[in-house]
């Protein structure tokens, strides 16, 4: 089976490919010659994931899936949430986003957080949604060099290391994205 993952994020593409069994080939946007930035204008993770998947399906004709992920921090009222990728501003990077979180949580005891991923799948025009969550805590400092995004400041509950201190395979077994991908794969294997 060949399917497009509607993302320009090479880290996400690599992470997803590491979780898939043989027999499922994942194409990236570059592989289908999609050079435009996909729209993300909805106020929810579900809306953004569907919007990106629909864009690829309607404009390129490929069966595809797209995801949107948010980090929801309890002490910040659920921020950054749907704005996780742009939390520190439109032209920010992961370092800027992490620093903003650490600054806002400075001196705060409650550091509980929840990572949430929603995957929207479109096959032959039929849409399905899959969700994964991972509860944890925000650290006081960055730890680890693996992963991407907020991984260096997120420790999943029952673990003593951040996502950025784990291998892709370790993270994939417990992460929000890994859980959503597992549901996606279960669906694809019964289709």
N, C-alpha and C. Protein backbone atom coordinates (compact mmCIF):
# COMPACT_ATOMS: atom_id res chain seq x y z
N UNK A 1 0.83 -1.18 0.00
CA UNK A 1 0.00 0.00 0.00
C UNK A 1 0.88 1.25 0.00
N UNK A 2 0.47 2.22 -0.78
CA UNK A 2 1.19 3.49 -0.85
C UNK A 2 0.22 4.59 -0.42
N UNK A 3 0.71 5.45 0.47
CA UNK A 3 -0.15 6.51 1.00
C UNK A 3 0.71 7.74 1.29
N UNK A 4 0.13 8.92 1.13
CA UNK A 4 0.85 10.17 1.35
C UNK A 4 0.63 10.64 2.79
N UNK A 5 1.72 11.01 3.44
CA UNK A 5 1.62 11.69 4.73
C UNK A 5 1.74 13.18 4.42
N UNK A 6 0.67 13.92 4.63
CA UNK A 6 0.58 15.32 4.25
C UNK A 6 1.32 16.20 5.25
N UNK A 7 2.64 16.20 5.15
CA UNK A 7 3.46 17.04 6.02
C UNK A 7 4.73 17.46 5.29
N UNK A 8 5.22 18.64 5.66
CA UNK A 8 6.54 19.09 5.21
C UNK A 8 7.58 18.88 6.31
N UNK A 9 7.15 18.35 7.46
CA UNK A 9 8.03 18.16 8.59
C UNK A 9 8.78 16.83 8.44
N UNK A 10 10.06 16.91 8.10
CA UNK A 10 10.86 15.71 7.87
C UNK A 10 11.03 14.88 9.13
N UNK A 11 11.02 15.53 10.30
CA UNK A 11 11.12 14.79 11.56
C UNK A 11 9.88 13.91 11.76
N UNK A 12 8.70 14.46 11.50
CA UNK A 12 7.47 13.67 11.63
C UNK A 12 7.47 12.52 10.63
N UNK A 13 7.89 12.81 9.41
CA UNK A 13 7.93 11.79 8.36
C UNK A 13 8.83 10.63 8.77
N UNK A 14 10.00 10.95 9.28
CA UNK A 14 10.95 9.93 9.73
C UNK A 14 10.39 9.13 10.90
N UNK A 15 9.75 9.83 11.83
CA UNK A 15 9.19 9.17 13.01
C UNK A 15 8.08 8.19 12.61
N UNK A 16 7.21 8.61 11.70
CA UNK A 16 6.12 7.75 11.24
C UNK A 16 6.66 6.55 10.48
N UNK A 17 7.62 6.78 9.59
CA UNK A 17 8.19 5.66 8.82
C UNK A 17 8.80 4.61 9.73
N UNK A 18 9.39 5.03 10.85
CA UNK A 18 10.01 4.09 11.79
C UNK A 18 8.96 3.22 12.49
N UNK A 19 7.72 3.65 12.52
CA UNK A 19 6.66 2.92 13.21
C UNK A 19 5.90 1.95 12.30
N UNK A 20 6.07 2.11 10.98
CA UNK A 20 5.25 1.33 10.05
C UNK A 20 5.87 -0.01 9.69
N UNK A 21 5.03 -1.02 9.49
CA UNK A 21 5.53 -2.31 9.04
C UNK A 21 5.83 -2.26 7.54
N UNK A 22 6.58 -3.25 7.07
CA UNK A 22 6.81 -3.32 5.64
C UNK A 22 5.47 -3.57 4.96
N UNK A 23 5.35 -3.14 3.74
CA UNK A 23 4.09 -3.28 3.03
C UNK A 23 3.31 -1.98 2.95
N UNK A 24 3.68 -1.01 3.80
CA UNK A 24 3.06 0.31 3.71
C UNK A 24 4.17 1.30 3.39
N UNK A 25 4.06 1.90 2.20
CA UNK A 25 5.04 2.89 1.78
C UNK A 25 4.46 4.28 1.99
N UNK A 26 5.20 5.08 2.75
CA UNK A 26 4.76 6.45 3.02
C UNK A 26 5.48 7.41 2.08
N UNK A 27 4.70 8.19 1.36
CA UNK A 27 5.25 9.25 0.52
C UNK A 27 5.10 10.57 1.27
N UNK A 28 6.08 11.43 1.11
CA UNK A 28 5.97 12.77 1.66
C UNK A 28 5.45 13.73 0.60
N UNK A 29 5.22 14.96 0.99
CA UNK A 29 4.72 15.95 0.03
C UNK A 29 5.71 16.19 -1.10
N UNK A 30 6.99 16.13 -0.79
CA UNK A 30 8.03 16.30 -1.81
C UNK A 30 7.91 15.22 -2.89
N UNK A 31 7.56 13.99 -2.47
CA UNK A 31 7.44 12.87 -3.41
C UNK A 31 6.30 13.05 -4.40
N UNK A 32 5.29 13.85 -4.06
CA UNK A 32 4.18 14.09 -4.99
C UNK A 32 4.27 15.49 -5.62
N UNK A 33 5.41 16.11 -5.42
CA UNK A 33 5.70 17.44 -5.98
C UNK A 33 4.77 18.52 -5.44
N UNK A 34 4.40 18.39 -4.18
CA UNK A 34 3.59 19.41 -3.50
C UNK A 34 4.57 20.32 -2.76
N UNK A 35 4.70 21.54 -3.25
CA UNK A 35 5.67 22.47 -2.67
C UNK A 35 5.03 23.55 -1.82
N UNK A 36 3.72 23.66 -1.86
CA UNK A 36 3.06 24.72 -1.10
C UNK A 36 2.91 24.34 0.38
N UNK A 37 2.79 25.34 1.20
CA UNK A 37 2.54 25.14 2.63
C UNK A 37 1.06 24.78 2.79
N UNK A 38 0.78 23.70 3.48
CA UNK A 38 -0.61 23.28 3.63
C UNK A 38 -1.34 24.19 4.62
N UNK A 39 -2.62 24.45 4.35
CA UNK A 39 -3.38 25.34 5.23
C UNK A 39 -3.65 24.72 6.59
N UNK A 40 -3.60 25.55 7.63
CA UNK A 40 -3.94 25.16 9.00
C UNK A 40 -4.64 26.36 9.63
N UNK A 41 -5.91 26.52 9.34
CA UNK A 41 -6.62 27.71 9.80
C UNK A 41 -7.75 27.41 10.79
N UNK A 42 -7.87 26.16 11.20
CA UNK A 42 -8.95 25.79 12.12
C UNK A 42 -8.51 25.97 13.57
N UNK A 43 -9.45 26.19 14.47
CA UNK A 43 -9.13 26.38 15.89
C UNK A 43 -8.97 25.06 16.67
N UNK A 44 -9.04 23.92 15.95
CA UNK A 44 -8.90 22.63 16.62
C UNK A 44 -7.87 21.77 15.89
N UNK A 45 -7.30 20.81 16.62
CA UNK A 45 -6.37 19.86 16.01
C UNK A 45 -7.09 19.02 14.95
N UNK A 46 -8.31 18.58 15.25
CA UNK A 46 -9.09 17.78 14.32
C UNK A 46 -9.33 18.55 13.02
N UNK A 47 -9.73 19.81 13.15
CA UNK A 47 -10.00 20.63 11.98
C UNK A 47 -8.78 20.83 11.11
N UNK A 48 -7.63 21.09 11.73
CA UNK A 48 -6.40 21.28 10.97
C UNK A 48 -5.96 20.00 10.27
N UNK A 49 -6.04 18.86 10.96
CA UNK A 49 -5.65 17.59 10.35
C UNK A 49 -6.52 17.29 9.14
N UNK A 50 -7.83 17.46 9.29
CA UNK A 50 -8.75 17.24 8.15
C UNK A 50 -8.49 18.21 7.02
N UNK A 51 -8.23 19.46 7.35
CA UNK A 51 -8.00 20.47 6.32
C UNK A 51 -6.78 20.11 5.47
N UNK A 52 -5.71 19.68 6.10
CA UNK A 52 -4.49 19.32 5.36
C UNK A 52 -4.71 18.07 4.51
N UNK A 53 -5.37 17.05 5.07
CA UNK A 53 -5.61 15.83 4.31
C UNK A 53 -6.53 16.10 3.12
N UNK A 54 -7.57 16.88 3.35
CA UNK A 54 -8.49 17.22 2.25
C UNK A 54 -7.76 17.98 1.14
N UNK A 55 -6.86 18.87 1.52
CA UNK A 55 -6.13 19.65 0.53
C UNK A 55 -5.34 18.73 -0.41
N UNK A 56 -4.64 17.76 0.16
CA UNK A 56 -3.84 16.83 -0.66
C UNK A 56 -4.75 15.94 -1.50
N UNK A 57 -5.80 15.41 -0.89
CA UNK A 57 -6.70 14.52 -1.62
C UNK A 57 -7.38 15.26 -2.78
N UNK A 58 -7.87 16.47 -2.51
CA UNK A 58 -8.61 17.22 -3.53
C UNK A 58 -7.71 17.80 -4.62
N UNK A 59 -6.49 18.20 -4.26
CA UNK A 59 -5.61 18.85 -5.24
C UNK A 59 -4.62 17.91 -5.93
N UNK A 60 -4.34 16.76 -5.31
CA UNK A 60 -3.35 15.84 -5.87
C UNK A 60 -3.92 14.45 -6.13
N UNK A 61 -5.07 14.13 -5.58
CA UNK A 61 -5.74 12.87 -5.87
C UNK A 61 -5.18 11.64 -5.18
N UNK A 62 -4.36 11.83 -4.15
CA UNK A 62 -3.76 10.70 -3.45
C UNK A 62 -4.54 10.38 -2.18
N UNK A 63 -4.66 9.09 -1.88
CA UNK A 63 -5.09 8.69 -0.54
C UNK A 63 -4.02 9.20 0.41
N UNK A 64 -4.43 9.73 1.54
CA UNK A 64 -3.44 10.39 2.39
C UNK A 64 -3.91 10.48 3.84
N UNK A 65 -2.97 10.87 4.67
CA UNK A 65 -3.32 11.22 6.03
C UNK A 65 -2.49 12.43 6.44
N UNK A 66 -3.02 13.16 7.41
CA UNK A 66 -2.34 14.33 7.94
C UNK A 66 -2.56 14.33 9.45
N UNK A 67 -1.66 14.99 10.15
CA UNK A 67 -1.84 15.06 11.60
C UNK A 67 -1.72 16.50 12.06
N UNK A 68 -2.19 16.72 13.25
CA UNK A 68 -1.92 17.96 13.96
C UNK A 68 -1.72 17.57 15.41
N UNK A 69 -0.76 18.23 16.03
CA UNK A 69 -0.38 17.88 17.40
C UNK A 69 -0.34 19.14 18.25
N UNK A 70 -0.76 18.99 19.49
CA UNK A 70 -0.70 20.11 20.41
C UNK A 70 -0.21 19.66 21.77
N UNK A 71 0.53 20.53 22.42
CA UNK A 71 0.96 20.34 23.80
C UNK A 71 0.04 21.18 24.66
N UNK A 72 -0.67 20.54 25.58
CA UNK A 72 -1.62 21.24 26.44
C UNK A 72 -1.08 21.23 27.86
N UNK A 73 -0.73 22.40 28.38
CA UNK A 73 -0.13 22.52 29.71
C UNK A 73 -1.18 23.03 30.69
N UNK A 74 -1.40 22.26 31.74
CA UNK A 74 -2.48 22.58 32.69
C UNK A 74 -2.34 23.97 33.29
N UNK A 75 -1.14 24.32 33.77
CA UNK A 75 -0.94 25.61 34.44
C UNK A 75 -1.10 26.80 33.49
N UNK A 76 -1.08 26.53 32.19
CA UNK A 76 -1.24 27.60 31.19
C UNK A 76 -2.62 27.54 30.54
N UNK A 77 -3.55 26.88 31.22
CA UNK A 77 -4.92 26.82 30.70
C UNK A 77 -5.04 26.08 29.38
N UNK A 78 -4.15 25.11 29.13
CA UNK A 78 -4.19 24.34 27.89
C UNK A 78 -3.30 24.87 26.79
N UNK A 79 -2.63 26.00 27.04
CA UNK A 79 -1.67 26.51 26.04
C UNK A 79 -0.47 25.58 25.98
N UNK A 80 0.22 25.58 24.87
CA UNK A 80 -0.04 26.27 23.61
C UNK A 80 -1.10 25.61 22.73
N UNK A 81 -1.46 24.34 23.00
CA UNK A 81 -2.55 23.70 22.28
C UNK A 81 -2.39 23.70 20.78
N UNK A 82 -3.45 24.10 20.10
CA UNK A 82 -3.45 24.10 18.63
C UNK A 82 -2.38 25.03 18.05
N UNK A 83 -1.87 25.95 18.86
CA UNK A 83 -0.85 26.89 18.39
C UNK A 83 0.57 26.45 18.76
N UNK A 84 0.76 25.19 19.09
CA UNK A 84 2.06 24.69 19.57
C UNK A 84 3.22 24.99 18.62
N UNK A 85 3.01 24.83 17.33
CA UNK A 85 4.10 25.05 16.36
C UNK A 85 4.47 26.52 16.22
N UNK A 86 3.54 27.42 16.55
CA UNK A 86 3.77 28.86 16.37
C UNK A 86 3.63 29.62 17.69
N UNK A 87 3.85 28.93 18.80
CA UNK A 87 3.57 29.50 20.11
C UNK A 87 4.35 30.80 20.37
N UNK A 88 5.59 30.86 19.95
CA UNK A 88 6.41 32.05 20.20
C UNK A 88 6.35 33.06 19.05
N UNK A 89 5.44 32.86 18.11
CA UNK A 89 5.29 33.79 17.01
C UNK A 89 5.35 33.09 15.67
N UNK A 90 4.93 33.81 14.64
CA UNK A 90 4.82 33.22 13.30
C UNK A 90 6.14 32.67 12.77
N UNK A 91 7.24 33.33 13.05
CA UNK A 91 8.53 32.91 12.49
C UNK A 91 9.44 32.28 13.55
N UNK A 92 8.84 31.67 14.55
CA UNK A 92 9.61 31.07 15.63
C UNK A 92 10.13 29.69 15.24
N UNK A 93 11.01 29.16 16.09
CA UNK A 93 11.47 27.78 15.92
C UNK A 93 11.22 27.03 17.23
N UNK A 94 11.61 25.76 17.27
CA UNK A 94 11.36 24.93 18.45
C UNK A 94 12.02 25.50 19.70
N UNK A 95 13.22 26.02 19.55
CA UNK A 95 13.92 26.62 20.70
C UNK A 95 13.13 27.79 21.27
N UNK A 96 12.61 28.65 20.40
CA UNK A 96 11.81 29.79 20.84
C UNK A 96 10.56 29.32 21.59
N UNK A 97 9.90 28.29 21.03
CA UNK A 97 8.68 27.77 21.66
C UNK A 97 8.97 27.19 23.04
N UNK A 98 10.04 26.37 23.13
CA UNK A 98 10.39 25.79 24.43
C UNK A 98 10.73 26.86 25.45
N UNK A 99 11.47 27.89 25.01
CA UNK A 99 11.86 28.95 25.93
C UNK A 99 10.64 29.70 26.44
N UNK A 100 9.66 29.93 25.57
CA UNK A 100 8.45 30.62 26.00
C UNK A 100 7.71 29.79 27.06
N UNK A 101 7.63 28.46 26.86
CA UNK A 101 6.99 27.59 27.84
C UNK A 101 7.74 27.64 29.16
N UNK A 102 9.06 27.49 29.11
CA UNK A 102 9.87 27.49 30.34
C UNK A 102 9.75 28.83 31.07
N UNK A 103 9.75 29.92 30.32
CA UNK A 103 9.61 31.25 30.94
C UNK A 103 8.24 31.40 31.62
N UNK A 104 7.18 30.97 30.93
CA UNK A 104 5.83 31.11 31.48
C UNK A 104 5.62 30.21 32.71
N UNK A 105 6.34 29.09 32.77
CA UNK A 105 6.19 28.17 33.89
C UNK A 105 7.19 28.43 35.02
N UNK A 106 8.07 29.40 34.83
CA UNK A 106 9.09 29.68 35.84
C UNK A 106 8.43 29.89 37.21
N UNK A 107 8.89 29.11 38.19
CA UNK A 107 8.37 29.21 39.54
C UNK A 107 7.05 28.48 39.78
N UNK A 108 6.53 27.83 38.74
CA UNK A 108 5.26 27.12 38.87
C UNK A 108 5.50 25.68 39.30
N UNK A 109 4.77 25.24 40.30
CA UNK A 109 4.90 23.85 40.77
C UNK A 109 4.15 22.87 39.87
N UNK A 110 2.95 23.25 39.44
CA UNK A 110 2.15 22.36 38.59
C UNK A 110 2.71 22.39 37.17
N UNK A 111 3.35 21.30 36.76
CA UNK A 111 3.96 21.24 35.45
C UNK A 111 3.36 20.13 34.59
N UNK A 112 2.16 19.67 34.97
CA UNK A 112 1.53 18.59 34.21
C UNK A 112 1.09 19.08 32.83
N UNK A 113 1.20 18.17 31.89
CA UNK A 113 0.89 18.50 30.50
C UNK A 113 0.37 17.26 29.78
N UNK A 114 -0.21 17.49 28.63
CA UNK A 114 -0.74 16.41 27.80
C UNK A 114 -0.39 16.70 26.35
N UNK A 115 0.25 15.74 25.71
CA UNK A 115 0.49 15.83 24.27
C UNK A 115 -0.67 15.12 23.59
N UNK A 116 -1.22 15.72 22.55
CA UNK A 116 -2.33 15.14 21.82
C UNK A 116 -2.06 15.21 20.32
N UNK A 117 -2.26 14.10 19.64
CA UNK A 117 -2.15 14.04 18.18
C UNK A 117 -3.46 13.55 17.60
N UNK A 118 -3.91 14.20 16.54
CA UNK A 118 -5.07 13.75 15.77
C UNK A 118 -4.60 13.48 14.35
N UNK A 119 -4.91 12.30 13.85
CA UNK A 119 -4.59 11.93 12.47
C UNK A 119 -5.90 11.85 11.70
N UNK A 120 -5.94 12.54 10.55
CA UNK A 120 -7.08 12.46 9.63
C UNK A 120 -6.64 11.64 8.42
N UNK A 121 -7.38 10.59 8.13
CA UNK A 121 -7.09 9.69 7.01
C UNK A 121 -8.19 9.83 5.97
N UNK A 122 -7.79 9.94 4.71
CA UNK A 122 -8.77 9.95 3.62
C UNK A 122 -8.36 8.87 2.62
N UNK A 123 -9.24 7.88 2.47
CA UNK A 123 -9.03 6.82 1.47
C UNK A 123 -10.28 6.79 0.59
N UNK A 124 -10.06 7.02 -0.70
CA UNK A 124 -11.15 7.03 -1.68
C UNK A 124 -12.28 7.97 -1.25
N UNK A 125 -11.90 9.08 -0.65
CA UNK A 125 -12.87 10.10 -0.25
C UNK A 125 -13.52 9.88 1.11
N UNK A 126 -13.26 8.74 1.74
CA UNK A 126 -13.85 8.46 3.06
C UNK A 126 -12.88 8.93 4.15
N UNK A 127 -13.40 9.72 5.09
CA UNK A 127 -12.58 10.32 6.14
C UNK A 127 -12.72 9.57 7.46
N UNK A 128 -11.59 9.42 8.15
CA UNK A 128 -11.56 8.81 9.48
C UNK A 128 -10.58 9.61 10.34
N UNK A 129 -10.87 9.67 11.65
CA UNK A 129 -9.98 10.35 12.60
C UNK A 129 -9.48 9.36 13.65
N UNK A 130 -8.20 9.54 14.04
CA UNK A 130 -7.57 8.72 15.06
C UNK A 130 -6.84 9.65 16.02
N UNK A 131 -6.95 9.38 17.32
CA UNK A 131 -6.35 10.27 18.31
C UNK A 131 -5.46 9.50 19.27
N UNK A 132 -4.36 10.12 19.66
CA UNK A 132 -3.48 9.56 20.67
C UNK A 132 -3.09 10.65 21.66
N UNK A 133 -2.94 10.26 22.92
CA UNK A 133 -2.54 11.21 23.96
C UNK A 133 -1.45 10.62 24.83
N UNK A 134 -0.63 11.49 25.39
CA UNK A 134 0.41 11.08 26.32
C UNK A 134 0.50 12.14 27.42
N UNK A 135 0.27 11.71 28.64
CA UNK A 135 0.35 12.63 29.78
C UNK A 135 1.77 12.63 30.35
N UNK A 136 2.18 13.79 30.86
CA UNK A 136 3.52 13.90 31.41
C UNK A 136 3.70 15.21 32.14
N UNK A 137 4.96 15.62 32.26
CA UNK A 137 5.31 16.85 32.95
C UNK A 137 6.34 17.62 32.14
N UNK A 138 6.32 18.93 32.32
CA UNK A 138 7.31 19.81 31.68
C UNK A 138 8.49 19.94 32.64
N UNK A 139 9.69 19.77 32.10
CA UNK A 139 10.90 19.87 32.91
C UNK A 139 11.23 21.34 33.18
N UNK A 140 12.26 21.56 33.98
CA UNK A 140 12.76 22.92 34.22
C UNK A 140 13.83 23.32 33.21
N UNK A 141 14.49 22.31 32.63
CA UNK A 141 15.55 22.55 31.65
C UNK A 141 15.42 21.54 30.51
N UNK A 142 16.06 21.85 29.39
CA UNK A 142 16.07 20.94 28.24
C UNK A 142 16.99 19.75 28.53
N UNK A 143 16.55 18.56 28.14
CA UNK A 143 17.35 17.35 28.32
C UNK A 143 17.21 16.46 27.09
N UNK A 144 18.33 16.08 26.49
CA UNK A 144 18.32 15.16 25.36
C UNK A 144 18.47 15.85 24.03
N UNK A 145 18.90 15.06 23.04
CA UNK A 145 19.16 15.60 21.71
C UNK A 145 18.38 14.91 20.61
N UNK A 146 17.56 13.93 20.97
CA UNK A 146 16.75 13.23 19.96
C UNK A 146 15.42 13.95 19.80
N UNK A 147 14.61 13.45 18.87
CA UNK A 147 13.28 14.00 18.69
C UNK A 147 13.27 15.40 18.12
N UNK A 148 12.17 16.11 18.37
CA UNK A 148 12.00 17.45 17.82
C UNK A 148 10.92 18.17 18.61
N UNK A 149 10.70 19.42 18.28
CA UNK A 149 9.65 20.19 18.95
C UNK A 149 9.91 20.33 20.44
N UNK A 150 8.91 19.99 21.24
CA UNK A 150 8.98 20.13 22.70
C UNK A 150 9.59 18.91 23.38
N UNK A 151 10.08 17.94 22.62
CA UNK A 151 10.59 16.69 23.19
C UNK A 151 11.61 16.89 24.32
N UNK A 152 12.54 17.86 24.23
CA UNK A 152 13.53 18.01 25.30
C UNK A 152 12.98 18.51 26.64
N UNK A 153 11.72 18.95 26.68
CA UNK A 153 11.17 19.45 27.95
C UNK A 153 9.95 18.65 28.41
N UNK A 154 9.68 17.50 27.78
CA UNK A 154 8.51 16.71 28.14
C UNK A 154 8.93 15.33 28.62
N UNK A 155 8.57 15.01 29.88
CA UNK A 155 8.82 13.68 30.45
C UNK A 155 7.47 12.98 30.61
N UNK A 156 7.26 11.87 29.88
CA UNK A 156 5.99 11.16 30.04
C UNK A 156 5.88 10.54 31.42
N UNK A 157 4.67 10.49 31.94
CA UNK A 157 4.44 9.89 33.26
C UNK A 157 4.96 8.46 33.30
N UNK A 158 5.48 8.06 34.41
CA UNK A 158 6.10 6.75 34.71
C UNK A 158 7.48 6.58 34.08
N UNK A 159 8.03 7.64 33.48
CA UNK A 159 9.38 7.58 32.92
C UNK A 159 10.26 8.60 33.62
N UNK A 160 11.56 8.40 33.52
CA UNK A 160 12.50 9.33 34.15
C UNK A 160 13.38 10.03 33.13
N UNK A 161 12.93 10.05 31.87
CA UNK A 161 13.67 10.77 30.84
C UNK A 161 12.70 11.40 29.85
N UNK A 162 13.18 12.43 29.19
CA UNK A 162 12.35 13.16 28.22
C UNK A 162 12.22 12.37 26.93
N UNK A 163 11.28 12.77 26.10
CA UNK A 163 11.17 12.18 24.77
C UNK A 163 12.49 12.34 24.01
N UNK A 164 13.18 13.44 24.22
CA UNK A 164 14.43 13.71 23.50
C UNK A 164 15.58 12.83 23.98
N UNK A 165 15.38 12.10 25.07
CA UNK A 165 16.40 11.16 25.56
C UNK A 165 16.07 9.72 25.16
N UNK A 166 14.99 9.54 24.40
CA UNK A 166 14.56 8.22 23.96
C UNK A 166 14.90 8.01 22.49
N UNK A 167 15.00 6.73 22.09
CA UNK A 167 15.12 6.41 20.67
C UNK A 167 13.76 6.62 20.01
N UNK A 168 13.72 6.67 18.68
CA UNK A 168 12.45 6.79 17.98
C UNK A 168 11.52 5.64 18.33
N UNK A 169 12.09 4.43 18.45
CA UNK A 169 11.29 3.26 18.75
C UNK A 169 10.71 3.34 20.17
N UNK A 170 11.52 3.74 21.14
CA UNK A 170 11.04 3.87 22.52
C UNK A 170 9.91 4.91 22.58
N UNK A 171 10.16 6.05 21.99
CA UNK A 171 9.16 7.12 22.00
C UNK A 171 7.89 6.66 21.27
N UNK A 172 8.07 5.98 20.15
CA UNK A 172 6.93 5.55 19.35
C UNK A 172 5.96 4.62 20.07
N UNK A 173 6.46 3.87 21.03
CA UNK A 173 5.60 2.94 21.78
C UNK A 173 4.68 3.65 22.76
N UNK A 174 5.08 4.82 23.24
CA UNK A 174 4.30 5.49 24.29
C UNK A 174 3.79 6.88 23.92
N UNK A 175 4.29 7.43 22.83
CA UNK A 175 3.95 8.82 22.51
C UNK A 175 2.53 8.97 21.97
N UNK A 176 2.06 10.19 22.02
CA UNK A 176 0.78 10.59 21.45
C UNK A 176 0.69 10.20 19.98
N UNK A 177 1.74 10.51 19.22
CA UNK A 177 1.75 10.20 17.79
C UNK A 177 1.80 8.69 17.57
N UNK A 178 2.62 8.01 18.37
CA UNK A 178 2.71 6.56 18.26
C UNK A 178 1.37 5.88 18.51
N UNK A 179 0.63 6.36 19.51
CA UNK A 179 -0.68 5.80 19.82
C UNK A 179 -1.69 6.06 18.69
N UNK A 180 -1.65 7.26 18.12
CA UNK A 180 -2.54 7.58 17.01
C UNK A 180 -2.18 6.75 15.78
N UNK A 181 -0.89 6.58 15.52
CA UNK A 181 -0.44 5.78 14.38
C UNK A 181 -0.85 4.32 14.55
N UNK A 182 -0.77 3.81 15.77
CA UNK A 182 -1.19 2.43 16.04
C UNK A 182 -2.65 2.24 15.66
N UNK A 183 -3.50 3.20 16.02
CA UNK A 183 -4.92 3.12 15.65
C UNK A 183 -5.09 3.19 14.13
N UNK A 184 -4.31 4.07 13.48
CA UNK A 184 -4.33 4.18 12.03
C UNK A 184 -3.96 2.85 11.38
N UNK A 185 -2.89 2.22 11.86
CA UNK A 185 -2.43 0.95 11.29
C UNK A 185 -3.45 -0.17 11.51
N UNK A 186 -4.05 -0.19 12.69
CA UNK A 186 -5.09 -1.19 12.95
C UNK A 186 -6.25 -1.03 11.97
N UNK A 187 -6.61 0.21 11.68
CA UNK A 187 -7.67 0.47 10.72
C UNK A 187 -7.26 0.04 9.32
N UNK A 188 -6.04 0.39 8.90
CA UNK A 188 -5.58 0.04 7.56
C UNK A 188 -5.45 -1.46 7.35
N UNK A 189 -5.12 -2.19 8.43
CA UNK A 189 -4.94 -3.63 8.29
C UNK A 189 -6.27 -4.38 8.22
N UNK A 190 -7.37 -3.72 8.60
CA UNK A 190 -8.69 -4.35 8.51
C UNK A 190 -9.46 -3.87 7.30
N UNK A 191 -8.92 -2.87 6.61
CA UNK A 191 -9.62 -2.30 5.46
C UNK A 191 -9.50 -3.18 4.24
